[in-house]
PDB file of N, CA and C in Angstrom:
ATOM      1  N   MET A   1       0.846  -1.174   0.000  1.00  0.00           N
ATOM      2  CA  MET A   1       0.000   0.000   0.000  1.00  0.00           C
ATOM      3  C   MET A   1       0.895   1.242   0.000  1.00  0.00           C
ATOM      4  N   ASN A   2       0.648   2.122  -0.929  1.00  0.00           N
ATOM      5  CA  ASN A   2       1.461   3.332  -1.003  1.00  0.00           C
ATOM      6  C   ASN A   2       0.952   4.388  -0.013  1.00  0.00           C
ATOM      7  N   ASN A   3       1.697   5.481   0.107  1.00  0.00           N
ATOM      8  CA  ASN A   3       1.360   6.510   1.090  1.00  0.00           C
ATOM      9  C   ASN A   3       0.002   7.161   0.820  1.00  0.00           C
ATOM     10  N   LEU A   4      -0.338   7.344  -0.430  1.00  0.00           N
ATOM     11  CA  LEU A   4      -1.623   7.944  -0.775  1.00  0.00           C
ATOM     12  C   LEU A   4      -2.772   7.041  -0.333  1.00  0.00           C
ATOM     13  N   ASP A   5      -2.628   5.741  -0.557  1.00  0.00           N
ATOM     14  CA  ASP A   5      -3.651   4.785  -0.123  1.00  0.00           C
ATOM     15  C   ASP A   5      -3.763   4.762   1.400  1.00  0.00           C
ATOM     16  N   LYS A   6      -2.632   4.805   2.077  1.00  0.00           N
ATOM     17  CA  LYS A   6      -2.641   4.820   3.546  1.00  0.00           C
ATOM     18  C   LYS A   6      -3.364   6.054   4.072  1.00  0.00           C
ATOM     19  N   LYS A   7      -3.097   7.175   3.448  1.00  0.00           N
ATOM     20  CA  LYS A   7      -3.736   8.426   3.864  1.00  0.00           C
ATOM     21  C   LYS A   7      -5.248   8.353   3.662  1.00  0.00           C
ATOM     22  N   ARG A   8      -5.661   7.815   2.536  1.00  0.00           N
ATOM     23  CA  ARG A   8      -7.087   7.681   2.233  1.00  0.00           C
ATOM     24  C   ARG A   8      -7.774   6.755   3.237  1.00  0.00           C
ATOM     25  N   VAL A   9      -7.143   5.634   3.546  1.00  0.00           N
ATOM     26  CA  VAL A   9      -7.702   4.678   4.501  1.00  0.00           C
ATOM     27  C   VAL A   9      -7.816   5.326   5.885  1.00  0.00           C
ATOM     28  N   LEU A  10      -6.812   6.071   6.288  1.00  0.00           N
ATOM     29  CA  LEU A  10      -6.835   6.756   7.577  1.00  0.00           C
ATOM     30  C   LEU A  10      -7.967   7.782   7.625  1.00  0.00           C
ATOM     31  N   GLN A  11      -8.127   8.544   6.551  1.00  0.00           N
ATOM     32  CA  GLN A  11      -9.204   9.534   6.503  1.00  0.00           C
ATOM     33  C   GLN A  11     -10.576   8.866   6.575  1.00  0.00           C
ATOM     34  N   GLU A  12     -10.746   7.774   5.870  1.00  0.00           N
ATOM     35  CA  GLU A  12     -12.012   7.038   5.899  1.00  0.00           C
ATOM     36  C   GLU A  12     -12.290   6.521   7.310  1.00  0.00           C
ATOM     37  N   TYR A  13     -11.248   6.024   7.966  1.00  0.00           N
ATOM     38  CA  TYR A  13     -11.389   5.530   9.339  1.00  0.00           C
ATOM     39  C   TYR A  13     -11.790   6.664  10.278  1.00  0.00           C
ATOM     40  N   GLN A  14     -11.158   7.816  10.155  1.00  0.00           N
ATOM     41  CA  GLN A  14     -11.468   8.956  11.016  1.00  0.00           C
ATOM     42  C   GLN A  14     -12.898   9.440  10.799  1.00  0.00           C
ATOM     43  N   ILE A  15     -13.345   9.449   9.558  1.00  0.00           N
ATOM     44  CA  ILE A  15     -14.717   9.842   9.254  1.00  0.00           C
ATOM     45  C   ILE A  15     -15.695   8.858   9.885  1.00  0.00           C
ATOM     46  N   LYS A  16     -15.413   7.581   9.774  1.00  0.00           N
ATOM     47  CA  LYS A  16     -16.281   6.556  10.356  1.00  0.00           C
ATOM     48  C   LYS A  16     -16.322   6.687  11.879  1.00  0.00           C
ATOM     49  N   GLN A  17     -15.171   6.947  12.495  1.00  0.00           N
ATOM     50  CA  GLN A  17     -15.119   7.127  13.952  1.00  0.00           C
ATOM     51  C   GLN A  17     -15.974   8.321  14.369  1.00  0.00           C
ATOM     52  N   MET A  18     -15.893   9.431  13.643  1.00  0.00           N
ATOM     53  CA  MET A  18     -16.674  10.620  13.973  1.00  0.00           C
ATOM     54  C   MET A  18     -18.162  10.349  13.786  1.00  0.00           C
ATOM     55  N   GLU A  19     -18.527   9.633  12.739  1.00  0.00           N
ATOM     56  CA  GLU A  19     -19.931   9.294  12.513  1.00  0.00           C
ATOM     57  C   GLU A  19     -20.471   8.439  13.657  1.00  0.00           C
ATOM     58  N   GLU A  20     -19.691   7.465  14.105  1.00  0.00           N
ATOM     59  CA  GLU A  20     -20.111   6.610  15.217  1.00  0.00           C
ATOM     60  C   GLU A  20     -20.230   7.413  16.507  1.00  0.00           C
ATOM     61  N   PHE A  21     -19.282   8.334  16.739  1.00  0.00           N
ATOM     62  CA  PHE A  21     -19.336   9.190  17.909  1.00  0.00           C
ATOM     63  C   PHE A  21     -20.606  10.032  17.889  1.00  0.00           C
ATOM     64  N   GLU A  22     -20.913  10.618  16.736  1.00  0.00           N
ATOM     65  CA  GLU A  22     -22.096  11.465  16.627  1.00  0.00           C
ATOM     66  C   GLU A  22     -23.382  10.668  16.817  1.00  0.00           C
ATOM     67  N   LYS A  23     -23.410   9.418  16.383  1.00  0.00           N
ATOM     68  CA  LYS A  23     -24.580   8.571  16.594  1.00  0.00           C
ATOM     69  C   LYS A  23     -24.780   8.268  18.071  1.00  0.00           C
ATOM     70  N   SER A  24     -23.705   8.292  18.848  1.00  0.00           N
ATOM     71  CA  SER A  24     -23.790   7.964  20.275  1.00  0.00           C
ATOM     72  C   SER A  24     -24.232   9.152  21.129  1.00  0.00           C
ATOM     73  N   LEU A  25     -24.366  10.330  20.521  1.00  0.00           N
ATOM     74  CA  LEU A  25     -24.702  11.523  21.290  1.00  0.00           C
ATOM     75  C   LEU A  25     -26.127  11.442  21.836  1.00  0.00           C
ATOM     76  N   PRO A  26     -26.302  11.745  23.124  1.00  0.00           N
ATOM     77  CA  PRO A  26     -27.639  11.679  23.731  1.00  0.00           C
ATOM     78  C   PRO A  26     -28.470  12.946  23.525  1.00  0.00           C
ATOM     79  N   MET A  27     -27.907  13.938  22.883  1.00  0.00           N
ATOM     80  CA  MET A  27     -28.647  15.145  22.507  1.00  0.00           C
ATOM     81  C   MET A  27     -27.991  15.698  21.249  1.00  0.00           C
ATOM     82  N   GLU A  28     -28.638  16.679  20.641  1.00  0.00           N
ATOM     83  CA  GLU A  28     -28.120  17.227  19.392  1.00  0.00           C
ATOM     84  C   GLU A  28     -26.725  17.821  19.588  1.00  0.00           C
ATOM     85  N   LYS A  29     -25.914  17.670  18.568  1.00  0.00           N
ATOM     86  CA  LYS A  29     -24.526  18.140  18.623  1.00  0.00           C
ATOM     87  C   LYS A  29     -24.452  19.636  18.928  1.00  0.00           C
ATOM     88  N   ASN A  30     -25.335  20.417  18.325  1.00  0.00           N
ATOM     89  CA  ASN A  30     -25.297  21.865  18.558  1.00  0.00           C
ATOM     90  C   ASN A  30     -25.575  22.215  20.019  1.00  0.00           C
ATOM     91  N   LEU A  31     -26.346  21.382  20.728  1.00  0.00           N
ATOM     92  CA  LEU A  31     -26.583  21.624  22.152  1.00  0.00           C
ATOM     93  C   LEU A  31     -25.312  21.404  22.972  1.00  0.00           C
ATOM     94  N   PHE A  32     -24.478  20.475  22.530  1.00  0.00           N
ATOM     95  CA  PHE A  32     -23.190  20.300  23.216  1.00  0.00           C
ATOM     96  C   PHE A  32     -22.339  21.557  23.062  1.00  0.00           C
ATOM     97  N   TYR A  33     -22.326  22.127  21.865  1.00  0.00           N
ATOM     98  CA  TYR A  33     -21.562  23.362  21.660  1.00  0.00           C
ATOM     99  C   TYR A  33     -22.114  24.494  22.528  1.00  0.00           C
ATOM    100  N   GLU A  34     -23.436  24.555  22.655  1.00  0.00           N
ATOM    101  CA  GLU A  34     -24.044  25.550  23.537  1.00  0.00           C
ATOM    102  C   GLU A  34     -23.644  25.295  24.988  1.00  0.00           C
ATOM    103  N   LEU A  35     -23.636  24.029  25.387  1.00  0.00           N
ATOM    104  CA  LEU A  35     -23.222  23.677  26.746  1.00  0.00           C
ATOM    105  C   LEU A  35     -21.777  24.093  26.997  1.00  0.00           C
ATOM    106  N   PHE A  36     -20.896  23.806  26.058  1.00  0.00           N
ATOM    107  CA  PHE A  36     -19.485  24.185  26.225  1.00  0.00           C
ATOM    108  C   PHE A  36     -19.345  25.706  26.359  1.00  0.00           C
ATOM    109  N   ASP A  37     -20.060  26.453  25.525  1.00  0.00           N
ATOM    110  CA  ASP A  37     -20.011  27.913  25.606  1.00  0.00           C
ATOM    111  C   ASP A  37     -20.548  28.392  26.958  1.00  0.00           C
ATOM    112  N   TYR A  38     -21.647  27.807  27.383  1.00  0.00           N
ATOM    113  CA  TYR A  38     -22.258  28.172  28.669  1.00  0.00           C
ATOM    114  C   TYR A  38     -21.283  27.935  29.813  1.00  0.00           C
ATOM    115  N   LEU A  39     -20.674  26.754  29.840  1.00  0.00           N
ATOM    116  CA  LEU A  39     -19.734  26.421  30.919  1.00  0.00           C
ATOM    117  C   LEU A  39     -18.486  27.291  30.860  1.00  0.00           C
ATOM    118  N   ASN A  40     -18.004  27.571  29.660  1.00  0.00           N
ATOM    119  CA  ASN A  40     -16.844  28.465  29.535  1.00  0.00           C
ATOM    120  C   ASN A  40     -17.171  29.856  30.062  1.00  0.00           C
ATOM    121  N   ASP A  41     -18.333  30.372  29.717  1.00  0.00           N
ATOM    122  CA  ASP A  41     -18.743  31.691  30.210  1.00  0.00           C
ATOM    123  C   ASP A  41     -18.876  31.690  31.727  1.00  0.00           C
ATOM    124  N   LYS A  42     -19.537  30.676  32.270  1.00  0.00           N
ATOM    125  CA  LYS A  42     -19.738  30.589  33.720  1.00  0.00           C
ATOM    126  C   LYS A  42     -18.422  30.430  34.466  1.00  0.00           C
ATOM    127  N   SER A  43     -17.470  29.726  33.858  1.00  0.00           N
ATOM    128  CA  SER A  43     -16.197  29.456  34.544  1.00  0.00           C
ATOM    129  C   SER A  43     -15.398  30.731  34.793  1.00  0.00           C
ATOM    130  N   GLU A  44     -15.743  31.802  34.091  1.00  0.00           N
ATOM    131  CA  GLU A  44     -15.047  33.067  34.304  1.00  0.00           C
ATOM    132  C   GLU A  44     -15.447  33.734  35.618  1.00  0.00           C
ATOM    133  N   THR A  45     -16.650  33.395  36.121  1.00  0.00           N
ATOM    134  CA  THR A  45     -17.129  34.042  37.345  1.00  0.00           C
ATOM    135  C   THR A  45     -17.494  33.073  38.461  1.00  0.00           C
ATOM    136  N   VAL A  46     -17.664  31.803  38.123  1.00  0.00           N
ATOM    137  CA  VAL A  46     -18.085  30.807  39.109  1.00  0.00           C
ATOM    138  C   VAL A  46     -17.032  29.707  39.191  1.00  0.00           C
ATOM    139  N   GLU A  47     -16.593  29.406  40.387  1.00  0.00           N
ATOM    140  CA  GLU A  47     -15.620  28.335  40.571  1.00  0.00           C
ATOM    141  C   GLU A  47     -16.327  26.983  40.503  1.00  0.00           C
ATOM    142  N   CYS A  48     -15.681  26.005  39.914  1.00  0.00           N
ATOM    143  CA  CYS A  48     -16.253  24.663  39.794  1.00  0.00           C
ATOM    144  C   CYS A  48     -16.458  24.076  41.190  1.00  0.00           C
ATOM    145  N   LYS A  49     -17.652  23.519  41.407  1.00  0.00           N
ATOM    146  CA  LYS A  49     -17.983  22.880  42.683  1.00  0.00           C
ATOM    147  C   LYS A  49     -17.667  21.387  42.654  1.00  0.00           C
ATOM    148  N   HIS A  50     -17.037  20.954  41.592  1.00  0.00           N
ATOM    149  CA  HIS A  50     -16.677  19.551  41.377  1.00  0.00           C
ATOM    150  C   HIS A  50     -17.908  18.648  41.358  1.00  0.00           C
ATOM    151  N   ASP A  51     -18.949  19.180  40.720  1.00  0.00           N
ATOM    152  CA  ASP A  51     -20.163  18.425  40.443  1.00  0.00           C
ATOM    153  C   ASP A  51     -20.713  18.926  39.101  1.00  0.00           C
ATOM    154  N   PHE A  52     -21.889  18.486  38.752  1.00  0.00           N
ATOM    155  CA  PHE A  52     -22.492  18.895  37.481  1.00  0.00           C
ATOM    156  C   PHE A  52     -23.592  19.943  37.686  1.00  0.00           C
ATOM    157  N   SER A  53     -23.475  20.778  38.696  1.00  0.00           N
ATOM    158  CA  SER A  53     -24.550  21.730  38.993  1.00  0.00           C
ATOM    159  C   SER A  53     -24.809  22.688  37.834  1.00  0.00           C
ATOM    160  N   LEU A  54     -23.780  23.234  37.226  1.00  0.00           N
ATOM    161  CA  LEU A  54     -23.980  24.146  36.095  1.00  0.00           C
ATOM    162  C   LEU A  54     -24.486  23.403  34.859  1.00  0.00           C
ATOM    163  N   THR A  55     -23.959  22.219  34.641  1.00  0.00           N
ATOM    164  CA  THR A  55     -24.417  21.395  33.514  1.00  0.00           C
ATOM    165  C   THR A  55     -25.897  21.069  33.690  1.00  0.00           C
ATOM    166  N   ASN A  56     -26.288  20.682  34.900  1.00  0.00           N
ATOM    167  CA  ASN A  56     -27.702  20.399  35.182  1.00  0.00           C
ATOM    168  C   ASN A  56     -28.566  21.624  34.938  1.00  0.00           C
ATOM    169  N   GLU A  57     -28.093  22.763  35.382  1.00  0.00           N
ATOM    170  CA  GLU A  57     -28.817  24.024  35.182  1.00  0.00           C
ATOM    171  C   GLU A  57     -29.073  24.261  33.696  1.00  0.00           C
ATOM    172  N   PHE A  58     -28.055  24.061  32.889  1.00  0.00           N
ATOM    173  CA  PHE A  58     -28.175  24.239  31.439  1.00  0.00           C
ATOM    174  C   PHE A  58     -29.149  23.216  30.846  1.00  0.00           C
ATOM    175  N   LEU A  59     -28.982  21.954  31.207  1.00  0.00           N
ATOM    176  CA  LEU A  59     -29.765  20.878  30.601  1.00  0.00           C
ATOM    177  C   LEU A  59     -31.247  20.957  30.944  1.00  0.00           C
ATOM    178  N   LYS A  60     -31.586  21.453  32.116  1.00  0.00           N
ATOM    179  CA  LYS A  60     -32.998  21.546  32.522  1.00  0.00           C
ATOM    180  C   LYS A  60     -33.801  22.397  31.556  1.00  0.00           C
ATOM    181  N   ASP A  61     -33.181  23.399  30.974  1.00  0.00           N
ATOM    182  CA  ASP A  61     -33.875  24.289  30.039  1.00  0.00           C
ATOM    183  C   ASP A  61     -33.955  23.741  28.623  1.00  0.00           C
ATOM    184  N   LYS A  62     -33.298  22.626  28.341  1.00  0.00           N
ATOM    185  CA  LYS A  62     -33.176  22.143  26.959  1.00  0.00           C
ATOM    186  C   LYS A  62     -34.059  20.952  26.622  1.00  0.00           C
ATOM    187  N   ASN A  63     -34.848  20.486  27.584  1.00  0.00           N
ATOM    188  CA  ASN A  63     -35.772  19.382  27.327  1.00  0.00           C
ATOM    189  C   ASN A  63     -35.059  18.146  26.773  1.00  0.00           C
ATOM    190  N   VAL A  64     -34.004  17.734  27.457  1.00  0.00           N
ATOM    191  CA  VAL A  64     -33.250  16.533  27.078  1.00  0.00           C
ATOM    192  C   VAL A  64     -33.255  15.563  28.258  1.00  0.00           C
ATOM    193  N   ASP A  65     -32.868  14.343  28.002  1.00  0.00           N
ATOM    194  CA  ASP A  65     -32.753  13.337  29.061  1.00  0.00           C
ATOM    195  C   ASP A  65     -31.463  13.608  29.837  1.00  0.00           C
ATOM    196  N   ILE A  66     -31.592  14.270  30.954  1.00  0.00           N
ATOM    197  CA  ILE A  66     -30.429  14.712  31.728  1.00  0.00           C
ATOM    198  C   ILE A  66     -29.565  13.539  32.155  1.00  0.00           C
ATOM    199  N   GLU A  67     -30.187  12.466  32.600  1.00  0.00           N
ATOM    200  CA  GLU A  67     -29.414  11.301  33.058  1.00  0.00           C
ATOM    201  C   GLU A  67     -28.566  10.708  31.933  1.00  0.00           C
ATOM    202  N   LYS A  68     -29.129  10.619  30.735  1.00  0.00           N
ATOM    203  CA  LYS A  68     -28.376  10.085  29.595  1.00  0.00           C
ATOM    204  C   LYS A  68     -27.211  10.997  29.226  1.00  0.00           C
ATOM    205  N   VAL A  69     -27.439  12.299  29.279  1.00  0.00           N
ATOM    206  CA  VAL A  69     -26.368  13.240  28.944  1.00  0.00           C
ATOM    207  C   VAL A  69     -25.257  13.153  29.985  1.00  0.00           C
ATOM    208  N   LEU A  70     -25.620  13.107  31.268  1.00  0.00           N
ATOM    209  CA  LEU A  70     -24.597  13.005  32.315  1.00  0.00           C
ATOM    210  C   LEU A  70     -23.826  11.697  32.207  1.00  0.00           C
ATOM    211  N   GLU A  71     -24.525  10.628  31.880  1.00  0.00           N
ATOM    212  CA  GLU A  71     -23.854   9.337  31.690  1.00  0.00           C
ATOM    213  C   GLU A  71     -22.855   9.418  30.533  1.00  0.00           C
ATOM    214  N   PHE A  72     -23.274  10.040  29.447  1.00  0.00           N
ATOM    215  CA  PHE A  72     -22.392  10.225  28.294  1.00  0.00           C
ATOM    216  C   PHE A  72     -21.166  11.045  28.692  1.00  0.00           C
ATOM    217  N   LEU A  73     -21.385  12.127  29.419  1.00  0.00           N
ATOM    218  CA  LEU A  73     -20.267  12.981  29.839  1.00  0.00           C
ATOM    219  C   LEU A  73     -19.283  12.205  30.705  1.00  0.00           C
ATOM    220  N   GLU A  74     -19.808  11.432  31.641  1.00  0.00           N
ATOM    221  CA  GLU A  74     -18.938  10.627  32.508  1.00  0.00           C
ATOM    222  C   GLU A  74     -18.164   9.589  31.708  1.00  0.00           C
ATOM    223  N   GLU A  75     -18.827   8.950  30.764  1.00  0.00           N
ATOM    224  CA  GLU A  75     -18.162   7.945  29.927  1.00  0.00           C
ATOM    225  C   GLU A  75     -17.065   8.561  29.063  1.00  0.00           C
ATOM    226  N   ASN A  76     -17.149   9.862  28.858  1.00  0.00           N
ATOM    227  CA  ASN A  76     -16.177  10.547  28.013  1.00  0.00           C
ATOM    228  C   ASN A  76     -15.229  11.426  28.811  1.00  0.00           C
ATOM    229  N   GLY A  77     -15.079  11.132  30.095  1.00  0.00           N
ATOM    230  CA  GLY A  77     -14.027  11.744  30.895  1.00  0.00           C
ATOM    231  C   GLY A  77     -14.397  12.895  31.788  1.00  0.00           C
ATOM    232  N   ALA A  78     -15.692  13.175  31.953  1.00  0.00           N
ATOM    233  CA  ALA A  78     -16.086  14.297  32.812  1.00  0.00           C
ATOM    234  C   ALA A  78     -16.663  13.786  34.124  1.00  0.00           C
ATOM    235  N   GLY A  79     -16.179  14.380  35.212  1.00  0.00           N
ATOM    236  CA  GLY A  79     -16.725  14.077  36.526  1.00  0.00           C
ATOM    237  C   GLY A  79     -17.348  15.301  37.163  1.00  0.00           C
ATOM    238  N   CYS A  80     -17.231  16.437  36.468  1.00  0.00           N
ATOM    239  CA  CYS A  80     -17.778  17.697  36.967  1.00  0.00           C
ATOM    240  C   CYS A  80     -17.838  18.692  35.814  1.00  0.00           C
ATOM    241  N   ASP A  81     -18.351  19.879  36.109  1.00  0.00           N
ATOM    242  CA  ASP A  81     -18.522  20.901  35.070  1.00  0.00           C
ATOM    243  C   ASP A  81     -17.216  21.260  34.364  1.00  0.00           C
ATOM    244  N   CYS A  82     -16.143  21.479  35.127  1.00  0.00           N
ATOM    245  CA  CYS A  82     -14.895  21.904  34.475  1.00  0.00           C
ATOM    246  C   CYS A  82     -14.305  20.787  33.606  1.00  0.00           C
ATOM    247  N   GLU A  83     -14.551  19.540  33.992  1.00  0.00           N
ATOM    248  CA  GLU A  83     -14.038  18.430  33.186  1.00  0.00           C
ATOM    249  C   GLU A  83     -14.828  18.258  31.891  1.00  0.00           C
ATOM    250  N   VAL A  84     -16.055  18.765  31.853  1.00  0.00           N
ATOM    251  CA  VAL A  84     -16.806  18.772  30.595  1.00  0.00           C
ATOM    252  C   VAL A  84     -16.035  19.616  29.586  1.00  0.00           C
ATOM    253  N   ILE A  85     -15.540  20.755  30.059  1.00  0.00           N
ATOM    254  CA  ILE A  85     -14.770  21.653  29.188  1.00  0.00           C
ATOM    255  C   ILE A  85     -13.419  21.041  28.831  1.00  0.00           C
ATOM    256  N   PHE A  86     -12.716  20.520  29.837  1.00  0.00           N
ATOM    257  CA  PHE A  86     -11.349  20.051  29.609  1.00  0.00           C
ATOM    258  C   PHE A  86     -11.260  18.698  28.917  1.00  0.00           C
ATOM    259  N   ASN A  87     -12.224  17.810  29.148  1.00  0.00           N
ATOM    260  CA  ASN A  87     -12.106  16.446  28.635  1.00  0.00           C
ATOM    261  C   ASN A  87     -13.077  16.093  27.512  1.00  0.00           C
ATOM    262  N   VAL A  88     -14.255  16.667  27.545  1.00  0.00           N
ATOM    263  CA  VAL A  88     -15.259  16.273  26.554  1.00  0.00           C
ATOM    264  C   VAL A  88     -15.253  17.202  25.341  1.00  0.00           C
ATOM    265  N   GLU A  89     -15.088  18.480  25.569  1.00  0.00           N
ATOM    266  CA  GLU A  89     -15.144  19.440  24.464  1.00  0.00           C
ATOM    267  C   GLU A  89     -14.161  19.082  23.351  1.00  0.00           C
ATOM    268  N   GLU A  90     -12.981  18.626  23.717  1.00  0.00           N
ATOM    269  CA  GLU A  90     -11.956  18.302  22.709  1.00  0.00           C
ATOM    270  C   GLU A  90     -12.394  17.175  21.786  1.00  0.00           C
ATOM    271  N   LYS A  91     -13.305  16.332  22.236  1.00  0.00           N
ATOM    272  CA  LYS A  91     -13.785  15.226  21.392  1.00  0.00           C
ATOM    273  C   LYS A  91     -14.691  15.710  20.267  1.00  0.00           C
ATOM    274  N   PHE A  92     -15.137  16.963  20.367  1.00  0.00           N
ATOM    275  CA  PHE A  92     -16.013  17.542  19.350  1.00  0.00           C
ATOM    276  C   PHE A  92     -15.245  18.352  18.330  1.00  0.00           C
ATOM    277  N   GLU A  93     -13.950  18.482  18.522  1.00  0.00           N
ATOM    278  CA  GLU A  93     -13.151  19.248  17.588  1.00  0.00           C
ATOM    279  C   GLU A  93     -12.935  18.449  16.322  1.00  0.00           C
ATOM    280  N   ASP A  94     -13.048  19.127  15.208  1.00  0.00           N
ATOM    281  CA  ASP A  94     -12.898  18.461  13.898  1.00  0.00           C
ATOM    282  C   ASP A  94     -11.456  18.206  13.566  1.00  0.00           C
TER     283      ASP A  94
END
């Protein structure tokens, strides 16, 4: 396999991984971006309480299954609001 073929296979794999990740999302992708923005804004004035209090506050207004979203966040490295920003947000980067 030449380098061009390897690159193509890698790109196809990365696309498939992103598609599978997006299928696993418990709420719309754009709501995650809103959550990240909300938590980033709040983190400028509110210290993390090492729980999901701010995340819960955000999710209550969005009519989503809060338990499923929190489970997803925990499975993806978040144990509190600040870890949503530090550990989960990076998984949404293209």
